[in-house]
N, C-alpha and C. Protein backbone atom coordinates (compact mmCIF):
# COMPACT_ATOMS: atom_id res chain seq x y z
N MET A 1 17.19 122.49 71.49
CA MET A 1 15.94 123.04 71.88
C MET A 1 16.00 124.54 71.58
N ASP A 2 15.24 124.91 70.60
CA ASP A 2 15.21 126.30 70.15
C ASP A 2 13.76 126.64 69.86
N ASP A 3 13.37 127.88 70.10
CA ASP A 3 11.98 128.24 69.89
C ASP A 3 11.65 128.49 68.42
N HIS A 4 12.62 128.41 67.53
CA HIS A 4 12.39 128.61 66.10
C HIS A 4 12.53 127.29 65.35
N ALA A 5 11.42 126.83 64.74
CA ALA A 5 11.42 125.57 64.00
C ALA A 5 12.45 125.59 62.88
N PHE A 6 12.65 126.73 62.25
CA PHE A 6 13.62 126.86 61.16
C PHE A 6 15.03 126.51 61.65
N ILE A 7 15.40 127.00 62.81
CA ILE A 7 16.72 126.72 63.39
C ILE A 7 16.83 125.22 63.71
N ARG A 8 15.80 124.65 64.30
CA ARG A 8 15.83 123.22 64.64
C ARG A 8 15.98 122.36 63.38
N ARG A 9 15.27 122.70 62.31
CA ARG A 9 15.40 121.95 61.05
C ARG A 9 16.83 122.07 60.50
N GLY A 10 17.39 123.26 60.58
CA GLY A 10 18.75 123.45 60.09
C GLY A 10 19.77 122.63 60.88
N ILE A 11 19.60 122.58 62.18
CA ILE A 11 20.50 121.79 63.03
C ILE A 11 20.39 120.31 62.66
N LYS A 12 19.15 119.82 62.55
CA LYS A 12 18.95 118.41 62.21
C LYS A 12 19.57 118.10 60.85
N GLY A 13 19.38 118.98 59.89
CA GLY A 13 19.95 118.76 58.56
C GLY A 13 21.46 118.73 58.59
N LEU A 14 22.05 119.68 59.29
CA LEU A 14 23.51 119.76 59.40
C LEU A 14 24.07 118.51 60.06
N LEU A 15 23.48 118.10 61.16
CA LEU A 15 23.99 116.92 61.88
C LEU A 15 23.78 115.64 61.09
N SER A 16 22.65 115.49 60.41
CA SER A 16 22.40 114.26 59.66
C SER A 16 23.30 114.17 58.43
N ASP A 17 23.74 115.30 57.90
CA ASP A 17 24.63 115.29 56.74
C ASP A 17 26.04 114.81 57.08
N VAL A 18 26.50 115.05 58.30
CA VAL A 18 27.90 114.79 58.61
C VAL A 18 28.15 113.83 59.78
N THR A 19 27.09 113.34 60.42
CA THR A 19 27.28 112.41 61.54
C THR A 19 26.24 111.30 61.48
N ASP A 20 26.43 110.30 62.32
CA ASP A 20 25.41 109.26 62.44
C ASP A 20 24.70 109.38 63.79
N TRP A 21 24.76 110.54 64.40
CA TRP A 21 24.10 110.77 65.68
C TRP A 21 22.59 110.74 65.52
N THR A 22 21.91 110.30 66.55
CA THR A 22 20.46 110.26 66.57
C THR A 22 19.93 111.44 67.36
N ILE A 23 19.01 112.16 66.77
CA ILE A 23 18.34 113.25 67.48
C ILE A 23 17.10 112.64 68.11
N SER A 24 17.09 112.62 69.43
CA SER A 24 16.02 111.91 70.14
C SER A 24 14.82 112.78 70.49
N GLY A 25 14.94 114.09 70.37
CA GLY A 25 13.82 114.95 70.68
C GLY A 25 14.12 116.40 70.39
N GLU A 26 13.07 117.20 70.35
CA GLU A 26 13.21 118.64 70.16
C GLU A 26 11.98 119.31 70.72
N THR A 27 12.13 120.56 71.07
CA THR A 27 11.01 121.34 71.58
C THR A 27 11.28 122.82 71.37
N ASP A 28 10.23 123.60 71.60
CA ASP A 28 10.34 125.04 71.40
C ASP A 28 10.22 125.83 72.70
N ASN A 29 10.25 125.12 73.86
CA ASN A 29 10.11 125.85 75.12
C ASN A 29 10.86 125.15 76.25
N GLY A 30 11.15 125.90 77.29
CA GLY A 30 11.96 125.42 78.40
C GLY A 30 11.30 124.32 79.22
N SER A 31 10.00 124.41 79.46
CA SER A 31 9.32 123.39 80.26
C SER A 31 9.40 122.02 79.60
N ASP A 32 9.15 121.99 78.30
CA ASP A 32 9.24 120.72 77.58
C ASP A 32 10.69 120.23 77.50
N ALA A 33 11.64 121.16 77.43
CA ALA A 33 13.05 120.77 77.41
C ALA A 33 13.41 120.00 78.68
N ILE A 34 12.98 120.49 79.81
CA ILE A 34 13.26 119.82 81.09
C ILE A 34 12.62 118.43 81.10
N ARG A 35 11.37 118.36 80.67
CA ARG A 35 10.66 117.08 80.63
C ARG A 35 11.36 116.08 79.70
N LEU A 36 11.75 116.54 78.51
CA LEU A 36 12.39 115.65 77.55
C LEU A 36 13.75 115.14 78.04
N VAL A 37 14.50 116.00 78.69
CA VAL A 37 15.80 115.55 79.21
C VAL A 37 15.61 114.43 80.23
N LYS A 38 14.60 114.59 81.10
CA LYS A 38 14.32 113.54 82.08
C LYS A 38 13.87 112.25 81.41
N GLU A 39 13.01 112.35 80.40
CA GLU A 39 12.46 111.18 79.72
C GLU A 39 13.49 110.48 78.84
N LEU A 40 14.22 111.25 78.06
CA LEU A 40 15.07 110.68 77.02
C LEU A 40 16.51 110.43 77.45
N GLU A 41 16.95 111.11 78.51
CA GLU A 41 18.33 110.99 79.01
C GLU A 41 19.37 111.09 77.88
N PRO A 42 19.37 112.21 77.15
CA PRO A 42 20.31 112.35 76.04
C PRO A 42 21.74 112.54 76.53
N ALA A 43 22.69 112.23 75.66
CA ALA A 43 24.09 112.46 75.98
C ALA A 43 24.40 113.95 75.98
N VAL A 44 23.77 114.69 75.09
CA VAL A 44 24.00 116.13 74.98
C VAL A 44 22.70 116.81 74.57
N ILE A 45 22.52 118.03 75.07
CA ILE A 45 21.39 118.84 74.60
C ILE A 45 21.92 120.17 74.08
N LEU A 46 21.31 120.64 73.01
CA LEU A 46 21.56 121.97 72.47
C LEU A 46 20.42 122.83 72.97
N LEU A 47 20.75 123.96 73.53
CA LEU A 47 19.75 124.76 74.21
C LEU A 47 19.96 126.23 73.91
N ASP A 48 18.89 126.92 73.52
CA ASP A 48 18.96 128.36 73.31
C ASP A 48 18.77 129.07 74.65
N VAL A 49 19.37 130.21 74.81
CA VAL A 49 19.21 131.00 76.02
C VAL A 49 17.81 131.63 76.05
N SER A 50 17.36 132.13 74.92
CA SER A 50 16.07 132.84 74.83
C SER A 50 15.00 131.89 74.33
N MET A 51 14.11 131.51 75.25
CA MET A 51 12.97 130.68 74.89
C MET A 51 11.75 131.20 75.64
N PRO A 52 10.57 130.94 75.10
CA PRO A 52 9.37 131.41 75.81
C PRO A 52 9.18 130.66 77.13
N GLY A 53 8.61 131.36 78.09
CA GLY A 53 8.38 130.74 79.40
C GLY A 53 9.66 130.68 80.21
N ILE A 54 10.18 129.51 80.38
CA ILE A 54 11.40 129.29 81.16
C ILE A 54 12.61 129.55 80.27
N THR A 55 13.52 130.39 80.71
CA THR A 55 14.71 130.71 79.90
C THR A 55 15.67 129.53 79.86
N GLY A 56 16.59 129.58 78.92
CA GLY A 56 17.60 128.54 78.81
C GLY A 56 18.43 128.38 80.07
N LEU A 57 18.78 129.49 80.73
CA LEU A 57 19.56 129.39 81.96
C LEU A 57 18.75 128.74 83.08
N ASP A 58 17.46 129.02 83.13
CA ASP A 58 16.61 128.36 84.13
C ASP A 58 16.50 126.86 83.84
N VAL A 59 16.48 126.51 82.57
CA VAL A 59 16.47 125.09 82.19
C VAL A 59 17.76 124.42 82.67
N VAL A 60 18.89 125.08 82.43
CA VAL A 60 20.18 124.54 82.89
C VAL A 60 20.16 124.35 84.40
N ARG A 61 19.73 125.36 85.12
CA ARG A 61 19.67 125.31 86.59
C ARG A 61 18.84 124.10 87.04
N THR A 62 17.67 123.93 86.45
CA THR A 62 16.77 122.83 86.83
C THR A 62 17.38 121.47 86.49
N ILE A 63 17.94 121.34 85.32
CA ILE A 63 18.55 120.06 84.92
C ILE A 63 19.71 119.72 85.84
N ARG A 64 20.54 120.70 86.16
CA ARG A 64 21.72 120.43 86.98
C ARG A 64 21.39 120.09 88.43
N GLU A 65 20.17 120.36 88.87
CA GLU A 65 19.78 119.96 90.23
C GLU A 65 19.78 118.45 90.39
N THR A 66 19.53 117.72 89.30
CA THR A 66 19.44 116.25 89.39
C THR A 66 20.32 115.52 88.39
N ASP A 67 20.90 116.23 87.43
CA ASP A 67 21.62 115.57 86.34
C ASP A 67 22.93 116.30 86.05
N ARG A 68 24.03 115.67 86.40
CA ARG A 68 25.35 116.24 86.09
C ARG A 68 25.96 115.55 84.88
N LYS A 69 25.31 114.48 84.41
CA LYS A 69 25.87 113.66 83.34
C LYS A 69 25.62 114.23 81.94
N THR A 70 24.39 114.69 81.70
CA THR A 70 24.03 115.21 80.38
C THR A 70 24.87 116.44 80.06
N LYS A 71 25.48 116.45 78.90
CA LYS A 71 26.26 117.61 78.45
C LYS A 71 25.29 118.66 77.92
N ILE A 72 25.56 119.91 78.24
CA ILE A 72 24.70 121.01 77.79
C ILE A 72 25.53 122.00 76.98
N LEU A 73 25.12 122.19 75.74
CA LEU A 73 25.75 123.15 74.84
C LEU A 73 24.73 124.24 74.53
N LEU A 74 25.02 125.46 74.97
CA LEU A 74 24.15 126.58 74.65
C LEU A 74 24.44 127.03 73.23
N LEU A 75 23.40 127.24 72.47
CA LEU A 75 23.49 127.70 71.09
C LEU A 75 22.65 128.96 71.02
N THR A 76 23.29 130.12 70.87
CA THR A 76 22.57 131.37 71.06
C THR A 76 23.18 132.52 70.27
N LEU A 77 22.43 133.60 70.19
CA LEU A 77 22.92 134.84 69.57
C LEU A 77 23.63 135.72 70.59
N HIS A 78 23.41 135.48 71.87
CA HIS A 78 23.89 136.36 72.94
C HIS A 78 25.37 136.14 73.24
N ASP A 79 26.15 137.23 73.18
CA ASP A 79 27.58 137.12 73.47
C ASP A 79 28.00 137.94 74.69
N SER A 80 27.07 138.23 75.56
CA SER A 80 27.36 138.97 76.79
C SER A 80 28.29 138.16 77.69
N GLN A 81 29.38 138.76 78.10
CA GLN A 81 30.33 138.06 78.97
C GLN A 81 29.69 137.67 80.30
N GLU A 82 28.83 138.50 80.82
CA GLU A 82 28.14 138.20 82.07
C GLU A 82 27.25 136.96 81.90
N LEU A 83 26.54 136.91 80.79
CA LEU A 83 25.68 135.76 80.50
C LEU A 83 26.50 134.48 80.34
N ILE A 84 27.58 134.57 79.63
CA ILE A 84 28.44 133.40 79.40
C ILE A 84 29.00 132.89 80.72
N ARG A 85 29.51 133.80 81.55
CA ARG A 85 30.05 133.41 82.85
C ARG A 85 28.96 132.74 83.70
N SER A 86 27.77 133.33 83.72
CA SER A 86 26.65 132.75 84.48
C SER A 86 26.32 131.35 83.98
N ALA A 87 26.32 131.18 82.66
CA ALA A 87 25.99 129.87 82.08
C ALA A 87 26.97 128.80 82.55
N PHE A 88 28.26 129.12 82.56
CA PHE A 88 29.25 128.14 83.00
C PHE A 88 29.17 127.90 84.50
N GLU A 89 28.86 128.94 85.26
CA GLU A 89 28.67 128.75 86.70
C GLU A 89 27.50 127.82 87.00
N LEU A 90 26.49 127.84 86.13
CA LEU A 90 25.33 126.95 86.29
C LEU A 90 25.62 125.52 85.83
N GLY A 91 26.67 125.36 85.04
CA GLY A 91 27.06 124.00 84.67
C GLY A 91 26.97 123.64 83.20
N VAL A 92 26.93 124.63 82.29
CA VAL A 92 26.96 124.27 80.88
C VAL A 92 28.36 123.77 80.51
N ASN A 93 28.45 123.04 79.42
CA ASN A 93 29.71 122.49 78.96
C ASN A 93 30.26 123.22 77.75
N GLY A 94 29.39 124.01 77.11
CA GLY A 94 29.83 124.73 75.94
C GLY A 94 28.91 125.89 75.61
N TYR A 95 29.47 126.85 74.88
CA TYR A 95 28.73 128.06 74.51
C TYR A 95 29.06 128.37 73.05
N LEU A 96 28.08 128.14 72.18
CA LEU A 96 28.27 128.31 70.74
C LEU A 96 27.37 129.42 70.23
N LEU A 97 27.96 130.41 69.60
CA LEU A 97 27.18 131.47 68.98
C LEU A 97 26.54 130.94 67.69
N LYS A 98 25.31 131.33 67.46
CA LYS A 98 24.63 130.87 66.25
C LYS A 98 25.37 131.30 64.99
N THR A 99 26.08 132.42 65.07
CA THR A 99 26.84 132.88 63.90
C THR A 99 28.01 131.95 63.59
N ASP A 100 28.43 131.11 64.53
CA ASP A 100 29.50 130.14 64.32
C ASP A 100 28.97 128.73 64.06
N ALA A 101 27.67 128.54 64.21
CA ALA A 101 27.10 127.18 64.25
C ALA A 101 27.36 126.37 62.98
N GLU A 102 27.23 126.97 61.83
CA GLU A 102 27.38 126.19 60.60
C GLU A 102 28.75 125.52 60.52
N ASN A 103 29.78 126.24 60.93
CA ASN A 103 31.14 125.70 60.85
C ASN A 103 31.60 124.98 62.11
N GLU A 104 30.96 125.24 63.25
CA GLU A 104 31.49 124.77 64.52
C GLU A 104 30.61 123.77 65.28
N LEU A 105 29.36 123.57 64.86
CA LEU A 105 28.43 122.77 65.66
C LEU A 105 28.93 121.36 65.94
N VAL A 106 29.33 120.65 64.92
CA VAL A 106 29.78 119.26 65.12
C VAL A 106 31.02 119.24 66.00
N ARG A 107 31.95 120.13 65.77
CA ARG A 107 33.16 120.21 66.60
C ARG A 107 32.80 120.50 68.06
N ALA A 108 31.88 121.44 68.27
CA ALA A 108 31.48 121.80 69.62
C ALA A 108 30.85 120.60 70.34
N ILE A 109 29.98 119.88 69.67
CA ILE A 109 29.35 118.70 70.28
C ILE A 109 30.41 117.65 70.61
N ARG A 110 31.31 117.41 69.69
CA ARG A 110 32.37 116.41 69.95
C ARG A 110 33.22 116.80 71.15
N ILE A 111 33.54 118.06 71.27
CA ILE A 111 34.35 118.53 72.40
C ILE A 111 33.63 118.31 73.72
N VAL A 112 32.35 118.71 73.81
CA VAL A 112 31.65 118.54 75.08
C VAL A 112 31.37 117.08 75.38
N LEU A 113 31.13 116.26 74.35
CA LEU A 113 30.95 114.83 74.59
C LEU A 113 32.24 114.19 75.10
N GLY A 114 33.37 114.76 74.72
CA GLY A 114 34.67 114.27 75.18
C GLY A 114 35.11 114.90 76.49
N ASP A 115 34.18 115.47 77.24
CA ASP A 115 34.42 116.10 78.54
C ASP A 115 35.23 117.38 78.45
N GLY A 116 35.26 118.00 77.28
CA GLY A 116 35.93 119.28 77.15
C GLY A 116 34.97 120.44 77.33
N ILE A 117 35.54 121.63 77.31
CA ILE A 117 34.78 122.88 77.39
C ILE A 117 34.86 123.53 76.02
N TYR A 118 33.74 123.96 75.49
CA TYR A 118 33.74 124.60 74.19
C TYR A 118 33.27 126.05 74.32
N LEU A 119 34.00 126.95 73.67
CA LEU A 119 33.62 128.36 73.57
C LEU A 119 33.79 128.81 72.12
N SER A 120 32.79 129.51 71.60
CA SER A 120 32.80 129.98 70.22
C SER A 120 34.06 130.77 69.89
N PRO A 121 34.60 130.57 68.70
CA PRO A 121 35.83 131.30 68.32
C PRO A 121 35.64 132.80 68.18
N LYS A 122 34.41 133.28 68.00
CA LYS A 122 34.19 134.73 67.84
C LYS A 122 34.13 135.47 69.16
N LEU A 123 34.19 134.75 70.28
CA LEU A 123 34.19 135.41 71.58
C LEU A 123 35.55 136.05 71.83
N ASP A 124 35.58 137.11 72.61
CA ASP A 124 36.81 137.83 72.95
C ASP A 124 37.84 136.86 73.53
N PRO A 125 39.00 136.72 72.87
CA PRO A 125 40.00 135.74 73.33
C PRO A 125 40.51 135.99 74.75
N ASN A 126 40.63 137.24 75.15
CA ASN A 126 41.08 137.52 76.52
C ASN A 126 40.03 137.08 77.54
N PHE A 127 38.77 137.31 77.23
CA PHE A 127 37.69 136.84 78.11
C PHE A 127 37.71 135.32 78.18
N VAL A 128 37.85 134.66 77.05
CA VAL A 128 37.87 133.20 77.01
C VAL A 128 39.01 132.66 77.87
N LYS A 129 40.19 133.23 77.75
CA LYS A 129 41.34 132.78 78.56
C LYS A 129 41.05 132.92 80.05
N SER A 130 40.49 134.06 80.45
CA SER A 130 40.21 134.26 81.87
C SER A 130 39.10 133.33 82.35
N LEU A 131 38.10 133.09 81.52
CA LEU A 131 37.02 132.19 81.90
C LEU A 131 37.53 130.76 82.04
N VAL A 132 38.30 130.30 81.08
CA VAL A 132 38.84 128.94 81.14
C VAL A 132 39.74 128.78 82.36
N ALA A 133 40.55 129.79 82.67
CA ALA A 133 41.41 129.73 83.84
C ALA A 133 40.59 129.66 85.12
N SER A 134 39.51 130.44 85.19
CA SER A 134 38.67 130.40 86.40
C SER A 134 37.92 129.08 86.50
N LEU A 135 37.52 128.49 85.37
CA LEU A 135 36.86 127.18 85.40
C LEU A 135 37.84 126.10 85.84
N ALA A 136 39.07 126.19 85.38
CA ALA A 136 40.09 125.22 85.78
C ALA A 136 40.37 125.33 87.28
N ASP A 137 40.43 126.57 87.79
CA ASP A 137 40.66 126.78 89.22
C ASP A 137 39.52 126.21 90.05
N SER A 138 38.28 126.44 89.62
CA SER A 138 37.14 125.95 90.39
C SER A 138 37.02 124.44 90.34
N SER A 139 37.45 123.81 89.26
CA SER A 139 37.36 122.33 89.18
C SER A 139 38.48 121.65 89.95
N SER A 140 39.57 122.37 90.22
CA SER A 140 40.67 121.76 90.97
C SER A 140 40.47 121.91 92.48
N ASN A 141 39.51 122.72 92.89
CA ASN A 141 39.24 122.92 94.33
C ASN A 141 38.30 121.87 94.87
């Protein structure tokens, strides 16, 4: 779910070239994203942080109120550590920078579908280590 049709077409093309996954829906705004997740019950959703109306983080918050099963992979330009930490606290399963998407998208989806945590390779490695450690601590409590 991205507000740019060009990005959505690129994602569909990339995934159809290398996987047999079915794309069950797409939208350009947060309200429709919430509705589609409820209707379609996808295994994973790709979600941009910046969308018109309801932001990606608000979409995550709303989905997680009733759905812990659907995997959520944020696909965004934003690399703010505060934003990334907030996203994981809300319940995302992965955080992929758009600059890494061409090489990492399929891998990222496979990791989150396998119950793993995905973080873009271009993120600060020390931040990633501390975030993963804090996520591991919170899941063991």
